[in-house]
Every structure is written in structure tokens, then in C-alpha cells.
C-alpha atoms as a PDB file:
ATOM      1  CA  MET A   1     -53.399-113.150 -39.408  1.00  0.00           C
ATOM      2  CA  ILE A   2     -50.347-112.853 -41.598  1.00  0.00           C
ATOM      3  CA  GLU A   3     -50.631-115.118 -44.796  1.00  0.00           C
ATOM      4  CA  THR A   4     -48.340-116.015 -47.504  1.00  0.00           C
ATOM      5  CA  PRO A   5     -48.628-113.174 -49.884  1.00  0.00           C
ATOM      6  CA  LYS A   6     -50.362-114.064 -53.276  1.00  0.00           C
ATOM      7  CA  GLY A   7     -47.694-114.511 -55.934  1.00  0.00           C
ATOM      8  CA  ILE A   8     -45.082-115.117 -53.802  1.00  0.00           C
ATOM      9  CA  LEU A   9     -44.451-118.629 -55.047  1.00  0.00           C
ATOM     10  CA  ARG A  10     -43.847-116.992 -58.611  1.00  0.00           C
ATOM     11  CA  LEU A  11     -41.483-114.521 -56.847  1.00  0.00           C
ATOM     12  CA  VAL A  12     -39.229-117.373 -55.117  1.00  0.00           C
ATOM     13  CA  ALA A  13     -39.523-119.729 -57.982  1.00  0.00           C
ATOM     14  CA  LEU A  14     -37.905-117.043 -60.555  1.00  0.00           C
ATOM     15  CA  SER A  15     -35.504-116.080 -57.939  1.00  0.00           C
ATOM     16  CA  LEU A  16     -34.227-119.786 -57.073  1.00  0.00           C
ATOM     17  CA  LEU A  17     -34.168-120.588 -60.879  1.00  0.00           C
ATOM     18  CA  SER A  18     -32.126-117.471 -61.679  1.00  0.00           C
ATOM     19  CA  ARG A  19     -29.448-118.882 -59.565  1.00  0.00           C
ATOM     20  CA  SER A  20     -29.270-122.446 -60.845  1.00  0.00           C
ATOM     21  CA  SER A  21     -31.581-125.129 -62.562  1.00  0.00           C
ATOM     22  CA  LEU A  22     -33.745-126.995 -60.531  1.00  0.00           C
ATOM     23  CA  SER A  23     -36.261-129.655 -60.786  1.00  0.00           C
ATOM     24  CA  GLY A  24     -39.981-128.937 -58.912  1.00  0.00           C
ATOM     25  CA  ARG A  25     -38.779-131.351 -56.370  1.00  0.00           C
ATOM     26  CA  ASP A  26     -35.505-129.445 -55.765  1.00  0.00           C
ATOM     27  CA  LEU A  27     -37.781-126.263 -55.455  1.00  0.00           C
ATOM     28  CA  SER A  28     -40.061-127.463 -52.891  1.00  0.00           C
ATOM     29  CA  GLU A  29     -37.127-128.623 -50.898  1.00  0.00           C
ATOM     30  CA  GLN A  30     -35.054-125.176 -51.375  1.00  0.00           C
ATOM     31  CA  LEU A  31     -38.299-123.662 -50.077  1.00  0.00           C
ATOM     32  CA  SER A  32     -38.532-125.630 -47.140  1.00  0.00           C
ATOM     33  CA  ILE A  33     -34.874-125.115 -46.139  1.00  0.00           C
ATOM     34  CA  MET A  34     -35.197-121.554 -46.532  1.00  0.00           C
ATOM     35  CA  SER A  35     -38.249-121.202 -44.356  1.00  0.00           C
ATOM     36  CA  SER A  36     -36.768-123.366 -41.666  1.00  0.00           C
ATOM     37  CA  GLY A  37     -39.484-125.926 -42.507  1.00  0.00           C
ATOM     38  CA  LEU A  38     -42.172-123.503 -42.174  1.00  0.00           C
ATOM     39  CA  TRP A  39     -43.378-123.616 -45.776  1.00  0.00           C
ATOM     40  CA  LYS A  40     -43.057-126.694 -48.056  1.00  0.00           C
ATOM     41  CA  PRO A  41     -45.281-126.136 -51.150  1.00  0.00           C
ATOM     42  CA  SER A  42     -47.207-129.204 -52.404  1.00  0.00           C
ATOM     43  CA  PRO A  43     -46.489-130.504 -56.064  1.00  0.00           C
ATOM     44  CA  GLY A  44     -49.935-129.085 -56.595  1.00  0.00           C
ATOM     45  CA  SER A  45     -48.693-125.567 -56.085  1.00  0.00           C
ATOM     46  CA  ILE A  46     -45.245-126.165 -57.569  1.00  0.00           C
ATOM     47  CA  TYR A  47     -46.160-127.581 -60.926  1.00  0.00           C
ATOM     48  CA  PRO A  48     -48.800-125.248 -62.092  1.00  0.00           C
ATOM     49  CA  ILE A  49     -46.508-122.232 -61.297  1.00  0.00           C
ATOM     50  CA  LEU A  50     -43.522-124.159 -63.247  1.00  0.00           C
ATOM     51  CA  SER A  51     -46.123-124.962 -66.344  1.00  0.00           C
ATOM     52  CA  SER A  52     -47.399-120.943 -65.990  1.00  0.00           C
ATOM     53  CA  LEU A  53     -44.074-119.885 -66.204  1.00  0.00           C
ATOM     54  CA  LEU A  54     -42.833-122.044 -69.174  1.00  0.00           C
ATOM     55  CA  ASN A  55     -45.829-121.205 -71.194  1.00  0.00           C
ATOM     56  CA  GLU A  56     -45.363-117.270 -70.349  1.00  0.00           C
ATOM     57  CA  GLY A  57     -41.486-117.778 -71.462  1.00  0.00           C
ATOM     58  CA  MET A  58     -40.384-116.834 -68.362  1.00  0.00           C
ATOM     59  CA  ILE A  59     -38.416-120.238 -67.650  1.00  0.00           C
ATOM     60  CA  ALA A  60     -37.011-122.923 -69.912  1.00  0.00           C
ATOM     61  CA  GLU A  61     -36.449-126.470 -69.632  1.00  0.00           C
ATOM     62  CA  VAL A  62     -32.532-127.518 -69.640  1.00  0.00           C
ATOM     63  CA  PRO A  63     -31.977-130.570 -71.821  1.00  0.00           C
ATOM     64  CA  ARG A  64     -32.097-133.621 -69.723  1.00  0.00           C
ATOM     65  CA  LYS A  65     -28.834-135.522 -68.959  1.00  0.00           C
ATOM     66  CA  GLN A  66     -29.753-138.673 -67.006  1.00  0.00           C
ATOM     67  CA  GLY A  67     -33.251-140.134 -66.239  1.00  0.00           C
ATOM     68  CA  ASN A  68     -36.627-138.061 -66.852  1.00  0.00           C
ATOM     69  CA  VAL A  69     -36.228-135.203 -64.323  1.00  0.00           C
ATOM     70  CA  ARG A  70     -37.457-131.889 -65.864  1.00  0.00           C
ATOM     71  CA  ARG A  71     -35.021-129.091 -64.594  1.00  0.00           C
ATOM     72  CA  TYR A  72     -35.606-125.300 -65.314  1.00  0.00           C
ATOM     73  CA  ILE A  73     -33.957-122.174 -65.668  1.00  0.00           C
ATOM     74  CA  VAL A  74     -34.842-118.402 -65.637  1.00  0.00           C
ATOM     75  CA  THR A  75     -34.808-116.802 -69.135  1.00  0.00           C
ATOM     76  CA  SER A  76     -34.050-113.091 -69.933  1.00  0.00           C
ATOM     77  CA  LYS A  77     -37.745-112.373 -69.871  1.00  0.00           C
ATOM     78  CA  GLY A  78     -38.108-113.899 -66.597  1.00  0.00           C
ATOM     79  CA  LYS A  79     -35.418-111.997 -65.071  1.00  0.00           C
ATOM     80  CA  GLN A  80     -37.232-108.958 -66.125  1.00  0.00           C
ATOM     81  CA  GLU A  81     -40.196-110.359 -64.143  1.00  0.00           C
ATOM     82  CA  LEU A  82     -38.089-111.223 -61.259  1.00  0.00           C
ATOM     83  CA  SER A  83     -36.709-107.740 -61.097  1.00  0.00           C
ATOM     84  CA  LYS A  84     -40.459-106.406 -61.229  1.00  0.00           C
ATOM     85  CA  LEU A  85     -41.685-108.822 -58.677  1.00  0.00           C
ATOM     86  CA  GLN A  86     -38.762-108.012 -56.345  1.00  0.00           C
ATOM     87  CA  LYS A  87     -39.966-104.419 -56.228  1.00  0.00           C
ATOM     88  CA  GLU A  88     -43.282-105.106 -55.575  1.00  0.00           C
ATOM     89  CA  ALA A  89     -42.462-107.534 -52.681  1.00  0.00           C
ATOM     90  CA  GLU A  90     -40.156-105.056 -51.241  1.00  0.00           C
ATOM     91  CA  GLU A  91     -43.148-102.539 -51.308  1.00  0.00           C
ATOM     92  CA  SER A  92     -45.385-105.452 -49.931  1.00  0.00           C
ATOM     93  CA  ILE A  93     -43.353-106.119 -46.866  1.00  0.00           C
ATOM     94  CA  VAL A  94     -42.830-102.283 -46.039  1.00  0.00           C
ATOM     95  CA  ARG A  95     -46.865-102.248 -45.858  1.00  0.00           C
ATOM     96  CA  GLN A  96     -47.219-105.452 -43.795  1.00  0.00           C
ATOM     97  CA  LEU A  97     -44.648-104.308 -41.151  1.00  0.00           C
ATOM     98  CA  GLY A  98     -46.815-100.793 -40.854  1.00  0.00           C
ATOM     99  CA  LEU A  99     -49.855-103.228 -40.379  1.00  0.00           C
ATOM    100  CA  LEU A 100     -47.891-105.211 -37.665  1.00  0.00           C
ATOM    101  CA  SER A 101     -46.921-102.094 -35.933  1.00  0.00           C
ATOM    102  CA  LEU A 102     -50.557-101.181 -35.837  1.00  0.00           C
ATOM    103  CA  ALA A 103     -51.472-104.500 -34.609  1.00  0.00           C
ATOM    104  CA  ALA A 104     -48.956-104.528 -32.048  1.00  0.00           C
ATOM    105  CA  GLU A 105     -50.000-101.140 -30.838  1.00  0.00           C
ATOM    106  CA  ILE A 106     -53.918-102.249 -30.650  1.00  0.00           C
ATOM    107  CA  ILE A 107     -52.840-105.433 -28.418  1.00  0.00           C
ATOM    108  CA  GLY A 108     -50.735-102.660 -26.191  1.00  0.00           C
ATOM    109  CA  ASN A 109     -47.436-104.169 -26.994  1.00  0.00           C
ATOM    110  CA  GLU A 110     -45.262-100.973 -27.082  1.00  0.00           C
ATOM    111  CA  ASP A 111     -42.146-103.106 -27.111  1.00  0.00           C
ATOM    112  CA  LEU A 112     -42.866-105.203 -30.238  1.00  0.00           C
ATOM    113  CA  LYS A 113     -44.409-101.986 -31.758  1.00  0.00           C
ATOM    114  CA  LYS A 114     -40.815-100.230 -31.362  1.00  0.00           C
ATOM    115  CA  ARG A 115     -39.037-103.330 -32.708  1.00  0.00           C
ATOM    116  CA  ILE A 116     -41.192-103.445 -35.976  1.00  0.00           C
ATOM    117  CA  GLN A 117     -40.811 -99.565 -36.444  1.00  0.00           C
ATOM    118  CA  SER A 118     -37.103-100.034 -35.966  1.00  0.00           C
ATOM    119  CA  ILE A 119     -37.113-102.157 -39.223  1.00  0.00           C
ATOM    120  CA  LEU A 120     -38.827 -99.632 -41.035  1.00  0.00           C
END
């Protein structure tokens, strides 16, 4: 019923890269940790997002110190995009909670509905 929202990986990548430089593998591992193992995007999801963000000037590649691992960090343009995406995500979360409240009502679970509405 509830799926990973479109664009969430872009938001998460910019957010994590605004905190520290990460490789694609690091990004995937951080997401897995943050979601308690519920979500670990594959390289087929991570690397196209990184490529797109790099091409758009949202992130930059950090000079390589050791080995051949590419690490990225958010740019000032990426920070502006992150701010926009955070606001959009907050609005989306409120809408989704409203729909979950409706779903709880439909299935006849008033306690769940009240708990959801207490978040709103």
C-alpha cells in the first residue's frame, strides 16, 4: 500500500552528502543502517542518481586520496535543491499520514486512526 516515494533517493543522497563525503557503497550502507535494514538500494539505483546529481552540479567528486574509490559531496547548488526537496517531503509526509488515517478508519481501527492523527 505505502511505497517508497518517487524522488526519495535523490533527497536522501543530497542529505547524506551534505553531512560528509561518501562513495556510492557508503551511501547504500548508510541507507540500510538508517532504515534498520528495510531499504538497501542496489548499485543500479544509487549510481544513476549520483551520475545525475553530478551532471546537474548538485554534487562534486572529492579528489581521490587512496585507491580508486569515488567520493562525493554536495555543492551549494545541491544544498539549495536539498532545502526545496525537504519542504516537499514534509508536505508529502503530511498527505500520506492523512491517507493512512483514512485507511485506519476504513478498516475499522479507531485506535490506530487516533495514533496517526496525534502525529498530525
